[in-house]
Protein backbone atom coordinates (compact mmCIF):
# COMPACT_ATOMS: atom_id res chain seq x y z
CA UNK A 1 0.00 0.00 0.00
CA UNK A 2 1.29 3.42 -0.94
CA UNK A 3 1.28 6.56 1.21
CA UNK A 4 0.94 8.89 -1.78
CA UNK A 5 -2.31 10.78 -2.20
CA UNK A 6 -4.58 9.98 -5.13
CA UNK A 7 -6.64 12.66 -6.80
CA UNK A 8 -10.29 12.15 -7.72
CA UNK A 9 -9.17 11.99 -11.35
CA UNK A 10 -6.72 9.18 -10.48
CA UNK A 11 -9.43 7.23 -8.67
CA UNK A 12 -11.87 7.69 -11.54
CA UNK A 13 -9.22 6.60 -14.03
CA UNK A 14 -8.53 3.49 -11.94
CA UNK A 15 -12.26 2.69 -11.83
CA UNK A 16 -12.49 3.16 -15.61
CA UNK A 17 -9.56 0.78 -16.09
CA UNK A 18 -11.37 -1.85 -14.01
CA UNK A 19 -14.44 -1.53 -16.23
CA UNK A 20 -12.38 -1.60 -19.45
CA UNK A 21 -10.59 -4.73 -18.23
CA UNK A 22 -13.94 -6.49 -17.82
CA UNK A 23 -13.92 -6.39 -14.03
CA UNK A 24 -16.80 -3.91 -13.84
CA UNK A 25 -19.30 -2.46 -13.41
CA UNK A 26 -17.79 -0.33 -10.66
CA UNK A 27 -19.87 1.57 -8.11
CA UNK A 28 -18.55 4.98 -7.10
CA UNK A 29 -19.82 6.42 -3.83
CA UNK A 30 -19.19 9.92 -2.55
CA UNK A 31 -20.07 11.06 0.95
CA UNK A 32 -23.52 12.64 0.97
CA UNK A 33 -24.40 11.46 -2.56
CA UNK A 34 -26.13 8.48 -4.10
CA UNK A 35 -23.68 5.97 -5.61
CA UNK A 36 -23.21 5.95 -9.37
CA UNK A 37 -22.15 2.97 -11.47
CA UNK A 38 -19.59 2.95 -14.26
CA UNK A 39 -20.25 0.41 -17.02
CA UNK A 40 -18.59 -0.22 -20.36
CA UNK A 41 -20.05 1.30 -23.51
CA UNK A 42 -20.93 -2.23 -24.67
CA UNK A 43 -22.81 -2.96 -21.44
CA UNK A 44 -24.63 0.39 -21.68
CA UNK A 45 -25.70 -0.44 -25.26
CA UNK A 46 -26.91 -3.89 -24.14
CA UNK A 47 -28.93 -2.31 -21.32
CA UNK A 48 -30.44 0.24 -23.72
CA UNK A 49 -31.43 -2.55 -26.15
CA UNK A 50 -32.92 -4.55 -23.31
CA UNK A 51 -34.94 -1.57 -22.09
CA UNK A 52 -36.17 -0.82 -25.61
CA UNK A 53 -37.11 -4.45 -26.28
CA UNK A 54 -38.85 -4.72 -22.91
CA UNK A 55 -40.98 -1.64 -23.48
CA UNK A 56 -42.04 -2.86 -26.93
CA UNK A 57 -42.74 -6.44 -25.85
CA UNK A 58 -45.59 -5.51 -23.52
CA UNK A 59 -47.63 -3.43 -25.99
CA UNK A 60 -51.27 -4.43 -25.85
CA UNK A 61 -52.70 -6.19 -28.87
CA UNK A 62 -55.29 -4.62 -31.21
CA UNK A 63 -58.29 -5.92 -29.20
CA UNK A 64 -56.92 -4.52 -25.94
CA UNK A 65 -56.23 -1.15 -27.57
CA UNK A 66 -59.76 -1.07 -29.03
CA UNK A 67 -61.21 -1.78 -25.58
CA UNK A 68 -59.19 1.18 -24.28
CA UNK A 69 -60.68 3.39 -26.98
CA UNK A 70 -57.58 3.67 -29.14
CA UNK A 71 -58.14 3.89 -32.88
CA UNK A 72 -56.99 1.12 -35.21
CA UNK A 73 -53.49 1.83 -36.49
CA UNK A 74 -52.47 3.92 -33.48
CA UNK A 75 -49.98 1.26 -32.40
CA UNK A 76 -48.57 -2.09 -33.51
CA UNK A 77 -51.33 -4.45 -34.69
CA UNK A 78 -49.66 -7.64 -33.62
CA UNK A 79 -50.06 -9.30 -30.24
CA UNK A 80 -47.57 -8.58 -27.48
CA UNK A 81 -45.27 -11.22 -26.03
CA UNK A 82 -45.81 -13.03 -22.77
CA UNK A 83 -42.88 -13.16 -20.37
CA UNK A 84 -41.72 -16.64 -21.42
CA UNK A 85 -41.80 -15.75 -25.13
CA UNK A 86 -40.04 -12.47 -24.39
CA UNK A 87 -37.25 -14.23 -22.50
CA UNK A 88 -36.81 -16.75 -25.34
CA UNK A 89 -36.76 -14.05 -28.02
CA UNK A 90 -34.39 -11.72 -26.19
CA UNK A 91 -32.28 -14.21 -24.22
CA UNK A 92 -29.12 -12.98 -25.95
CA UNK A 93 -29.52 -9.64 -24.11
CA UNK A 94 -29.47 -11.23 -20.66
CA UNK A 95 -26.21 -12.14 -18.90
CA UNK A 96 -27.84 -15.33 -17.61
CA UNK A 97 -29.07 -16.33 -21.07
CA UNK A 98 -28.67 -20.00 -20.19
CA UNK A 99 -31.44 -19.68 -17.61
CA UNK A 100 -33.99 -18.33 -20.08
PDB file of N, CA and C in Angstrom:
ATOM      1  N   UNK A   1       0.843  -1.174   0.000  1.00  0.00           N
ATOM      2  CA  UNK A   1       0.000   0.000   0.000  1.00  0.00           C
ATOM      3  C   UNK A   1       0.887   1.236   0.000  1.00  0.00           C
ATOM      4  N   UNK A   2       0.497   2.214  -0.771  1.00  0.00           N
ATOM      5  CA  UNK A   2       1.291   3.422  -0.936  1.00  0.00           C
ATOM      6  C   UNK A   2       0.762   4.538  -0.046  1.00  0.00           C
ATOM      7  N   UNK A   3       1.668   5.418   0.389  1.00  0.00           N
ATOM      8  CA  UNK A   3       1.275   6.558   1.207  1.00  0.00           C
ATOM      9  C   UNK A   3       0.952   7.786   0.362  1.00  0.00           C
ATOM     10  N   UNK A   4       1.196   7.719  -0.949  1.00  0.00           N
ATOM     11  CA  UNK A   4       0.941   8.888  -1.780  1.00  0.00           C
ATOM     12  C   UNK A   4      -0.562   9.122  -1.940  1.00  0.00           C
ATOM     13  N   UNK A   5      -0.919  10.390  -2.060  1.00  0.00           N
ATOM     14  CA  UNK A   5      -2.314  10.780  -2.204  1.00  0.00           C
ATOM     15  C   UNK A   5      -2.759  10.573  -3.645  1.00  0.00           C
ATOM     16  N   UNK A   6      -3.989  10.142  -3.814  1.00  0.00           N
ATOM     17  CA  UNK A   6      -4.577   9.976  -5.135  1.00  0.00           C
ATOM     18  C   UNK A   6      -5.627  11.058  -5.327  1.00  0.00           C
ATOM     19  N   UNK A   7      -5.620  11.662  -6.492  1.00  0.00           N
ATOM     20  CA  UNK A   7      -6.637  12.665  -6.797  1.00  0.00           C
ATOM     21  C   UNK A   7      -7.921  11.956  -7.210  1.00  0.00           C
ATOM     22  N   UNK A   8      -9.018  12.705  -7.251  1.00  0.00           N
ATOM     23  CA  UNK A   8     -10.288  12.148  -7.717  1.00  0.00           C
ATOM     24  C   UNK A   8     -10.146  11.650  -9.150  1.00  0.00           C
ATOM     25  N   UNK A   9      -9.382  12.392  -9.955  1.00  0.00           N
ATOM     26  CA  UNK A   9      -9.169  11.986 -11.346  1.00  0.00           C
ATOM     27  C   UNK A   9      -8.432  10.649 -11.413  1.00  0.00           C
ATOM     28  N   UNK A  10      -7.451  10.450 -10.511  1.00  0.00           N
ATOM     29  CA  UNK A  10      -6.723   9.181 -10.483  1.00  0.00           C
ATOM     30  C   UNK A  10      -7.646   8.033 -10.093  1.00  0.00           C
ATOM     31  N   UNK A  11      -8.501   8.272  -9.106  1.00  0.00           N
ATOM     32  CA  UNK A  11      -9.434   7.233  -8.665  1.00  0.00           C
ATOM     33  C   UNK A  11     -10.440   6.897  -9.756  1.00  0.00           C
ATOM     34  N   UNK A  12     -10.928   7.917 -10.450  1.00  0.00           N
ATOM     35  CA  UNK A  12     -11.875   7.695 -11.537  1.00  0.00           C
ATOM     36  C   UNK A  12     -11.198   6.939 -12.680  1.00  0.00           C
ATOM     37  N   UNK A  13      -9.962   7.295 -12.982  1.00  0.00           N
ATOM     38  CA  UNK A  13      -9.216   6.595 -14.033  1.00  0.00           C
ATOM     39  C   UNK A  13      -9.013   5.130 -13.660  1.00  0.00           C
ATOM     40  N   UNK A  14      -8.713   4.868 -12.392  1.00  0.00           N
ATOM     41  CA  UNK A  14      -8.526   3.485 -11.942  1.00  0.00           C
ATOM     42  C   UNK A  14      -9.833   2.706 -12.058  1.00  0.00           C
ATOM     43  N   UNK A  15     -10.958   3.348 -11.705  1.00  0.00           N
ATOM     44  CA  UNK A  15     -12.262   2.687 -11.830  1.00  0.00           C
ATOM     45  C   UNK A  15     -12.560   2.402 -13.300  1.00  0.00           C
ATOM     46  N   UNK A  16     -12.265   3.351 -14.179  1.00  0.00           N
ATOM     47  CA  UNK A  16     -12.489   3.158 -15.614  1.00  0.00           C
ATOM     48  C   UNK A  16     -11.646   2.003 -16.144  1.00  0.00           C
ATOM     49  N   UNK A  17     -10.426   1.881 -15.667  1.00  0.00           N
ATOM     50  CA  UNK A  17      -9.562   0.780 -16.094  1.00  0.00           C
ATOM     51  C   UNK A  17     -10.137  -0.564 -15.665  1.00  0.00           C
ATOM     52  N   UNK A  18     -10.727  -0.621 -14.477  1.00  0.00           N
ATOM     53  CA  UNK A  18     -11.372  -1.853 -14.008  1.00  0.00           C
ATOM     54  C   UNK A  18     -12.511  -2.253 -14.952  1.00  0.00           C
ATOM     55  N   UNK A  19     -13.320  -1.262 -15.331  1.00  0.00           N
ATOM     56  CA  UNK A  19     -14.442  -1.526 -16.234  1.00  0.00           C
ATOM     57  C   UNK A  19     -13.924  -1.971 -17.599  1.00  0.00           C
ATOM     58  N   UNK A  20     -12.940  -1.256 -18.142  1.00  0.00           N
ATOM     59  CA  UNK A  20     -12.378  -1.596 -19.450  1.00  0.00           C
ATOM     60  C   UNK A  20     -11.760  -2.990 -19.462  1.00  0.00           C
ATOM     61  N   UNK A  21     -11.219  -3.412 -18.337  1.00  0.00           N
ATOM     62  CA  UNK A  21     -10.588  -4.729 -18.234  1.00  0.00           C
ATOM     63  C   UNK A  21     -11.613  -5.841 -18.043  1.00  0.00           C
ATOM     64  N   UNK A  22     -12.895  -5.479 -17.986  1.00  0.00           N
ATOM     65  CA  UNK A  22     -13.937  -6.490 -17.822  1.00  0.00           C
ATOM     66  C   UNK A  22     -14.202  -6.871 -16.383  1.00  0.00           C
ATOM     67  N   UNK A  23     -13.700  -6.096 -15.449  1.00  0.00           N
ATOM     68  CA  UNK A  23     -13.919  -6.389 -14.030  1.00  0.00           C
ATOM     69  C   UNK A  23     -14.967  -5.458 -13.435  1.00  0.00           C
ATOM     70  N   UNK A  24     -15.767  -4.847 -14.279  1.00  0.00           N
ATOM     71  CA  UNK A  24     -16.798  -3.905 -13.841  1.00  0.00           C
ATOM     72  C   UNK A  24     -18.146  -4.537 -13.980  1.00  0.00           C
ATOM     73  N   UNK A  25     -19.198  -3.883 -13.719  1.00  0.00           N
ATOM     74  CA  UNK A  25     -19.297  -2.464 -13.413  1.00  0.00           C
ATOM     75  C   UNK A  25     -18.692  -2.106 -12.055  1.00  0.00           C
ATOM     76  N   UNK A  26     -18.397  -0.831 -11.894  1.00  0.00           N
ATOM     77  CA  UNK A  26     -17.794  -0.332 -10.664  1.00  0.00           C
ATOM     78  C   UNK A  26     -18.709   0.732 -10.072  1.00  0.00           C
ATOM     79  N   UNK A  27     -19.065   0.573  -8.808  1.00  0.00           N
ATOM     80  CA  UNK A  27     -19.870   1.573  -8.106  1.00  0.00           C
ATOM     81  C   UNK A  27     -18.934   2.617  -7.504  1.00  0.00           C
ATOM     82  N   UNK A  28     -19.317   3.873  -7.658  1.00  0.00           N
ATOM     83  CA  UNK A  28     -18.547   4.981  -7.103  1.00  0.00           C
ATOM     84  C   UNK A  28     -19.453   5.701  -6.112  1.00  0.00           C
ATOM     85  N   UNK A  29     -19.015   5.777  -4.870  1.00  0.00           N
ATOM     86  CA  UNK A  29     -19.818   6.420  -3.828  1.00  0.00           C
ATOM     87  C   UNK A  29     -19.059   7.611  -3.267  1.00  0.00           C
ATOM     88  N   UNK A  30     -19.769   8.716  -3.148  1.00  0.00           N
ATOM     89  CA  UNK A  30     -19.194   9.919  -2.550  1.00  0.00           C
ATOM     90  C   UNK A  30     -19.994  10.238  -1.298  1.00  0.00           C
ATOM     91  N   UNK A  31     -19.348  10.720  -0.265  1.00  0.00           N
ATOM     92  CA  UNK A  31     -20.072  11.058   0.952  1.00  0.00           C
ATOM     93  C   UNK A  31     -21.196  12.058   0.661  1.00  0.00           C
ATOM     94  N   UNK A  32     -22.382  11.742   1.136  1.00  0.00           N
ATOM     95  CA  UNK A  32     -23.517  12.637   0.974  1.00  0.00           C
ATOM     96  C   UNK A  32     -24.207  12.544  -0.373  1.00  0.00           C
ATOM     97  N   UNK A  33     -23.808  11.610  -1.228  1.00  0.00           N
ATOM     98  CA  UNK A  33     -24.399  11.457  -2.560  1.00  0.00           C
ATOM     99  C   UNK A  33     -24.827  10.008  -2.778  1.00  0.00           C
ATOM    100  N   UNK A  34     -25.759   9.824  -3.694  1.00  0.00           N
ATOM    101  CA  UNK A  34     -26.130   8.476  -4.103  1.00  0.00           C
ATOM    102  C   UNK A  34     -24.977   7.882  -4.912  1.00  0.00           C
ATOM    103  N   UNK A  35     -24.738   6.583  -4.798  1.00  0.00           N
ATOM    104  CA  UNK A  35     -23.684   5.966  -5.609  1.00  0.00           C
ATOM    105  C   UNK A  35     -24.044   6.029  -7.095  1.00  0.00           C
ATOM    106  N   UNK A  36     -23.041   6.056  -7.927  1.00  0.00           N
ATOM    107  CA  UNK A  36     -23.207   5.948  -9.372  1.00  0.00           C
ATOM    108  C   UNK A  36     -22.438   4.709  -9.822  1.00  0.00           C
ATOM    109  N   UNK A  37     -22.790   4.190 -10.985  1.00  0.00           N
ATOM    110  CA  UNK A  37     -22.154   2.973 -11.470  1.00  0.00           C
ATOM    111  C   UNK A  37     -21.533   3.237 -12.837  1.00  0.00           C
ATOM    112  N   UNK A  38     -20.282   2.861 -12.979  1.00  0.00           N
ATOM    113  CA  UNK A  38     -19.591   2.950 -14.263  1.00  0.00           C
ATOM    114  C   UNK A  38     -19.712   1.600 -14.962  1.00  0.00           C
ATOM    115  N   UNK A  39     -20.166   1.628 -16.218  1.00  0.00           N
ATOM    116  CA  UNK A  39     -20.253   0.414 -17.018  1.00  0.00           C
ATOM    117  C   UNK A  39     -19.578   0.683 -18.352  1.00  0.00           C
ATOM    118  N   UNK A  40     -19.210  -0.369 -19.039  1.00  0.00           N
ATOM    119  CA  UNK A  40     -18.586  -0.217 -20.355  1.00  0.00           C
ATOM    120  C   UNK A  40     -19.628   0.280 -21.359  1.00  0.00           C
ATOM    121  N   UNK A  41     -19.150   0.839 -22.459  1.00  0.00           N
ATOM    122  CA  UNK A  41     -20.054   1.296 -23.513  1.00  0.00           C
ATOM    123  C   UNK A  41     -20.853   0.120 -24.066  1.00  0.00           C
ATOM    124  N   UNK A  42     -20.230  -1.051 -24.176  1.00  0.00           N
ATOM    125  CA  UNK A  42     -20.932  -2.232 -24.674  1.00  0.00           C
ATOM    126  C   UNK A  42     -22.058  -2.642 -23.722  1.00  0.00           C
ATOM    127  N   UNK A  43     -21.779  -2.605 -22.417  1.00  0.00           N
ATOM    128  CA  UNK A  43     -22.808  -2.955 -21.438  1.00  0.00           C
ATOM    129  C   UNK A  43     -23.936  -1.931 -21.468  1.00  0.00           C
ATOM    130  N   UNK A  44     -23.607  -0.654 -21.600  1.00  0.00           N
ATOM    131  CA  UNK A  44     -24.631   0.391 -21.682  1.00  0.00           C
ATOM    132  C   UNK A  44     -25.531   0.154 -22.893  1.00  0.00           C
ATOM    133  N   UNK A  45     -24.921  -0.166 -24.040  1.00  0.00           N
ATOM    134  CA  UNK A  45     -25.703  -0.440 -25.257  1.00  0.00           C
ATOM    135  C   UNK A  45     -26.621  -1.629 -25.031  1.00  0.00           C
ATOM    136  N   UNK A  46     -26.105  -2.692 -24.413  1.00  0.00           N
ATOM    137  CA  UNK A  46     -26.910  -3.885 -24.137  1.00  0.00           C
ATOM    138  C   UNK A  46     -28.092  -3.531 -23.243  1.00  0.00           C
ATOM    139  N   UNK A  47     -27.849  -2.722 -22.224  1.00  0.00           N
ATOM    140  CA  UNK A  47     -28.931  -2.313 -21.324  1.00  0.00           C
ATOM    141  C   UNK A  47     -29.963  -1.456 -22.048  1.00  0.00           C
ATOM    142  N   UNK A  48     -29.514  -0.582 -22.944  1.00  0.00           N
ATOM    143  CA  UNK A  48     -30.439   0.240 -23.723  1.00  0.00           C
ATOM    144  C   UNK A  48     -31.297  -0.639 -24.629  1.00  0.00           C
ATOM    145  N   UNK A  49     -30.692  -1.629 -25.287  1.00  0.00           N
ATOM    146  CA  UNK A  49     -31.434  -2.546 -26.147  1.00  0.00           C
ATOM    147  C   UNK A  49     -32.442  -3.353 -25.344  1.00  0.00           C
ATOM    148  N   UNK A  50     -32.027  -3.792 -24.177  1.00  0.00           N
ATOM    149  CA  UNK A  50     -32.924  -4.555 -23.312  1.00  0.00           C
ATOM    150  C   UNK A  50     -34.114  -3.702 -22.884  1.00  0.00           C
ATOM    151  N   UNK A  51     -33.866  -2.465 -22.494  1.00  0.00           N
ATOM    152  CA  UNK A  51     -34.935  -1.571 -22.088  1.00  0.00           C
ATOM    153  C   UNK A  51     -35.892  -1.304 -23.254  1.00  0.00           C
ATOM    154  N   UNK A  52     -35.353  -1.076 -24.431  1.00  0.00           N
ATOM    155  CA  UNK A  52     -36.174  -0.819 -25.609  1.00  0.00           C
ATOM    156  C   UNK A  52     -37.013  -2.045 -25.958  1.00  0.00           C
ATOM    157  N   UNK A  53     -36.385  -3.217 -25.958  1.00  0.00           N
ATOM    158  CA  UNK A  53     -37.107  -4.445 -26.278  1.00  0.00           C
ATOM    159  C   UNK A  53     -38.186  -4.723 -25.242  1.00  0.00           C
ATOM    160  N   UNK A  54     -37.875  -4.474 -23.977  1.00  0.00           N
ATOM    161  CA  UNK A  54     -38.845  -4.723 -22.911  1.00  0.00           C
ATOM    162  C   UNK A  54     -40.059  -3.814 -23.051  1.00  0.00           C
ATOM    163  N   UNK A  55     -39.847  -2.554 -23.367  1.00  0.00           N
ATOM    164  CA  UNK A  55     -40.984  -1.641 -23.475  1.00  0.00           C
ATOM    165  C   UNK A  55     -41.863  -2.003 -24.663  1.00  0.00           C
ATOM    166  N   UNK A  56     -41.267  -2.497 -25.754  1.00  0.00           N
ATOM    167  CA  UNK A  56     -42.044  -2.860 -26.933  1.00  0.00           C
ATOM    168  C   UNK A  56     -42.745  -4.203 -26.770  1.00  0.00           C
ATOM    169  N   UNK A  57     -42.188  -5.091 -25.972  1.00  0.00           N
ATOM    170  CA  UNK A  57     -42.739  -6.438 -25.852  1.00  0.00           C
ATOM    171  C   UNK A  57     -44.073  -6.466 -25.129  1.00  0.00           C
ATOM    172  N   UNK A  58     -44.370  -5.481 -24.331  1.00  0.00           N
ATOM    173  CA  UNK A  58     -45.585  -5.515 -23.524  1.00  0.00           C
ATOM    174  C   UNK A  58     -46.703  -4.646 -24.095  1.00  0.00           C
ATOM    175  N   UNK A  59     -46.563  -4.190 -25.372  1.00  0.00           N
ATOM    176  CA  UNK A  59     -47.633  -3.427 -25.991  1.00  0.00           C
ATOM    177  C   UNK A  59     -48.887  -4.267 -26.041  1.00  0.00           C
ATOM    178  N   UNK A  60     -50.028  -3.668 -25.756  1.00  0.00           N
ATOM    179  CA  UNK A  60     -51.275  -4.434 -25.849  1.00  0.00           C
ATOM    180  C   UNK A  60     -51.600  -4.763 -27.303  1.00  0.00           C
ATOM    181  N   UNK A  61     -52.331  -5.846 -27.509  1.00  0.00           N
ATOM    182  CA  UNK A  61     -52.701  -6.187 -28.874  1.00  0.00           C
ATOM    183  C   UNK A  61     -53.862  -5.311 -29.340  1.00  0.00           C
ATOM    184  N   UNK A  62     -54.283  -5.477 -30.597  1.00  0.00           N
ATOM    185  CA  UNK A  62     -55.294  -4.619 -31.208  1.00  0.00           C
ATOM    186  C   UNK A  62     -56.609  -4.642 -30.421  1.00  0.00           C
ATOM    187  N   UNK A  63     -57.031  -5.814 -29.946  1.00  0.00           N
ATOM    188  CA  UNK A  63     -58.291  -5.917 -29.200  1.00  0.00           C
ATOM    189  C   UNK A  63     -58.211  -5.148 -27.885  1.00  0.00           C
ATOM    190  N   UNK A  64     -57.089  -5.255 -27.200  1.00  0.00           N
ATOM    191  CA  UNK A  64     -56.924  -4.522 -25.939  1.00  0.00           C
ATOM    192  C   UNK A  64     -56.919  -3.019 -26.175  1.00  0.00           C
ATOM    193  N   UNK A  65     -56.253  -2.583 -27.250  1.00  0.00           N
ATOM    194  CA  UNK A  65     -56.227  -1.154 -27.566  1.00  0.00           C
ATOM    195  C   UNK A  65     -57.620  -0.652 -27.925  1.00  0.00           C
ATOM    196  N   UNK A  66     -58.396  -1.467 -28.671  1.00  0.00           N
ATOM    197  CA  UNK A  66     -59.762  -1.068 -29.027  1.00  0.00           C
ATOM    198  C   UNK A  66     -60.617  -0.927 -27.776  1.00  0.00           C
ATOM    199  N   UNK A  67     -60.447  -1.852 -26.829  1.00  0.00           N
ATOM    200  CA  UNK A  67     -61.212  -1.785 -25.579  1.00  0.00           C
ATOM    201  C   UNK A  67     -60.849  -0.539 -24.775  1.00  0.00           C
ATOM    202  N   UNK A  68     -59.622  -0.038 -24.959  1.00  0.00           N
ATOM    203  CA  UNK A  68     -59.187   1.176 -24.277  1.00  0.00           C
ATOM    204  C   UNK A  68     -59.594   2.439 -25.034  1.00  0.00           C
ATOM    205  N   UNK A  69     -60.217   2.247 -26.205  1.00  0.00           N
ATOM    206  CA  UNK A  69     -60.683   3.391 -26.979  1.00  0.00           C
ATOM    207  C   UNK A  69     -59.666   3.934 -27.960  1.00  0.00           C
ATOM    208  N   UNK A  70     -58.577   3.209 -28.181  1.00  0.00           N
ATOM    209  CA  UNK A  70     -57.584   3.666 -29.142  1.00  0.00           C
ATOM    210  C   UNK A  70     -58.021   3.281 -30.551  1.00  0.00           C
ATOM    211  N   UNK A  71     -57.760   4.147 -31.494  1.00  0.00           N
ATOM    212  CA  UNK A  71     -58.136   3.888 -32.875  1.00  0.00           C
ATOM    213  C   UNK A  71     -57.213   2.858 -33.508  1.00  0.00           C
ATOM    214  N   UNK A  72     -57.773   2.112 -34.463  1.00  0.00           N
ATOM    215  CA  UNK A  72     -56.991   1.124 -35.205  1.00  0.00           C
ATOM    216  C   UNK A  72     -55.825   1.845 -35.898  1.00  0.00           C
ATOM    217  N   UNK A  73     -54.657   1.239 -35.842  1.00  0.00           N
ATOM    218  CA  UNK A  73     -53.491   1.831 -36.485  1.00  0.00           C
ATOM    219  C   UNK A  73     -52.729   2.799 -35.595  1.00  0.00           C
ATOM    220  N   UNK A  74     -53.178   2.993 -34.353  1.00  0.00           N
ATOM    221  CA  UNK A  74     -52.470   3.916 -33.478  1.00  0.00           C
ATOM    222  C   UNK A  74     -51.281   3.266 -32.780  1.00  0.00           C
ATOM    223  N   UNK A  75     -51.102   1.988 -32.988  1.00  0.00           N
ATOM    224  CA  UNK A  75     -49.983   1.257 -32.398  1.00  0.00           C
ATOM    225  C   UNK A  75     -49.725   0.010 -33.203  1.00  0.00           C
ATOM    226  N   UNK A  76     -48.832  -0.870 -32.752  1.00  0.00           N
ATOM    227  CA  UNK A  76     -48.569  -2.092 -33.509  1.00  0.00           C
ATOM    228  C   UNK A  76     -49.802  -2.991 -33.484  1.00  0.00           C
ATOM    229  N   UNK A  77     -50.133  -3.608 -34.605  1.00  0.00           N
ATOM    230  CA  UNK A  77     -51.329  -4.449 -34.689  1.00  0.00           C
ATOM    231  C   UNK A  77     -51.027  -5.923 -34.520  1.00  0.00           C
ATOM    232  N   UNK A  78     -49.935  -6.235 -33.895  1.00  0.00           N
ATOM    233  CA  UNK A  78     -49.655  -7.636 -33.619  1.00  0.00           C
ATOM    234  C   UNK A  78     -49.698  -7.848 -32.110  1.00  0.00           C
ATOM    235  N   UNK A  79     -49.969  -9.070 -31.683  1.00  0.00           N
ATOM    236  CA  UNK A  79     -50.058  -9.302 -30.241  1.00  0.00           C
ATOM    237  C   UNK A  79     -48.719  -9.111 -29.537  1.00  0.00           C
ATOM    238  N   UNK A  80     -48.776  -8.713 -28.280  1.00  0.00           N
ATOM    239  CA  UNK A  80     -47.568  -8.581 -27.485  1.00  0.00           C
ATOM    240  C   UNK A  80     -47.035  -9.948 -27.086  1.00  0.00           C
ATOM    241  N   UNK A  81     -45.885  -9.973 -26.462  1.00  0.00           N
ATOM    242  CA  UNK A  81     -45.273 -11.221 -26.031  1.00  0.00           C
ATOM    243  C   UNK A  81     -45.532 -11.442 -24.553  1.00  0.00           C
ATOM    244  N   UNK A  82     -45.775 -12.676 -24.185  1.00  0.00           N
ATOM    245  CA  UNK A  82     -45.812 -13.032 -22.775  1.00  0.00           C
ATOM    246  C   UNK A  82     -44.384 -13.073 -22.246  1.00  0.00           C
ATOM    247  N   UNK A  83     -44.223 -13.187 -20.948  1.00  0.00           N
ATOM    248  CA  UNK A  83     -42.880 -13.155 -20.367  1.00  0.00           C
ATOM    249  C   UNK A  83     -41.997 -14.286 -20.876  1.00  0.00           C
ATOM    250  N   UNK A  84     -42.535 -15.505 -20.962  1.00  0.00           N
ATOM    251  CA  UNK A  84     -41.723 -16.641 -21.422  1.00  0.00           C
ATOM    252  C   UNK A  84     -41.261 -16.440 -22.862  1.00  0.00           C
ATOM    253  N   UNK A  85     -42.160 -15.990 -23.726  1.00  0.00           N
ATOM    254  CA  UNK A  85     -41.797 -15.747 -25.128  1.00  0.00           C
ATOM    255  C   UNK A  85     -40.784 -14.607 -25.228  1.00  0.00           C
ATOM    256  N   UNK A  86     -40.974 -13.599 -24.409  1.00  0.00           N
ATOM    257  CA  UNK A  86     -40.044 -12.467 -24.386  1.00  0.00           C
ATOM    258  C   UNK A  86     -38.648 -12.940 -24.009  1.00  0.00           C
ATOM    259  N   UNK A  87     -38.560 -13.744 -22.951  1.00  0.00           N
ATOM    260  CA  UNK A  87     -37.251 -14.234 -22.504  1.00  0.00           C
ATOM    261  C   UNK A  87     -36.589 -15.105 -23.564  1.00  0.00           C
ATOM    262  N   UNK A  88     -37.385 -15.937 -24.272  1.00  0.00           N
ATOM    263  CA  UNK A  88     -36.805 -16.749 -25.342  1.00  0.00           C
ATOM    264  C   UNK A  88     -36.301 -15.871 -26.484  1.00  0.00           C
ATOM    265  N   UNK A  89     -37.111 -14.891 -26.871  1.00  0.00           N
ATOM    266  CA  UNK A  89     -36.764 -14.050 -28.016  1.00  0.00           C
ATOM    267  C   UNK A  89     -35.558 -13.162 -27.740  1.00  0.00           C
ATOM    268  N   UNK A  90     -35.440 -12.670 -26.500  1.00  0.00           N
ATOM    269  CA  UNK A  90     -34.388 -11.719 -26.189  1.00  0.00           C
ATOM    270  C   UNK A  90     -33.349 -12.272 -25.216  1.00  0.00           C
ATOM    271  N   UNK A  91     -33.214 -13.583 -25.159  1.00  0.00           N
ATOM    272  CA  UNK A  91     -32.283 -14.210 -24.220  1.00  0.00           C
ATOM    273  C   UNK A  91     -30.851 -13.745 -24.422  1.00  0.00           C
ATOM    274  N   UNK A  92     -30.492 -13.407 -25.667  1.00  0.00           N
ATOM    275  CA  UNK A  92     -29.124 -12.981 -25.945  1.00  0.00           C
ATOM    276  C   UNK A  92     -28.778 -11.652 -25.261  1.00  0.00           C
ATOM    277  N   UNK A  93     -29.778 -10.912 -24.789  1.00  0.00           N
ATOM    278  CA  UNK A  93     -29.525  -9.643 -24.114  1.00  0.00           C
ATOM    279  C   UNK A  93     -29.310  -9.808 -22.617  1.00  0.00           C
ATOM    280  N   UNK A  94     -29.624 -10.992 -22.091  1.00  0.00           N
ATOM    281  CA  UNK A  94     -29.471 -11.229 -20.657  1.00  0.00           C
ATOM    282  C   UNK A  94     -28.119 -11.885 -20.387  1.00  0.00           C
ATOM    283  N   UNK A  95     -27.475 -11.511 -19.278  1.00  0.00           N
ATOM    284  CA  UNK A  95     -26.214 -12.144 -18.904  1.00  0.00           C
ATOM    285  C   UNK A  95     -26.423 -13.611 -18.607  1.00  0.00           C
ATOM    286  N   UNK A  96     -27.553 -13.943 -17.975  1.00  0.00           N
ATOM    287  CA  UNK A  96     -27.845 -15.326 -17.611  1.00  0.00           C
ATOM    288  C   UNK A  96     -28.697 -15.986 -18.682  1.00  0.00           C
ATOM    289  N   UNK A  97     -28.281 -15.842 -19.936  1.00  0.00           N
ATOM    290  CA  UNK A  97     -29.071 -16.331 -21.066  1.00  0.00           C
ATOM    291  C   UNK A  97     -29.334 -17.830 -20.977  1.00  0.00           C
ATOM    292  N   UNK A  98     -28.451 -18.563 -20.320  1.00  0.00           N
ATOM    293  CA  UNK A  98     -28.665 -19.997 -20.193  1.00  0.00           C
ATOM    294  C   UNK A  98     -29.872 -20.349 -19.355  1.00  0.00           C
ATOM    295  N   UNK A  99     -30.306 -19.413 -18.493  1.00  0.00           N
ATOM    296  CA  UNK A  99     -31.441 -19.684 -17.612  1.00  0.00           C
ATOM    297  C   UNK A  99     -32.766 -19.367 -18.262  1.00  0.00           C
ATOM    298  N   UNK A 100     -32.741 -18.732 -19.421  1.00  0.00           N
ATOM    299  CA  UNK A 100     -33.991 -18.327 -20.077  1.00  0.00           C
ATOM    300  C   UNK A 100     -34.675 -19.486 -20.744  1.00  0.00           C
TER     301      UNK A 100
END
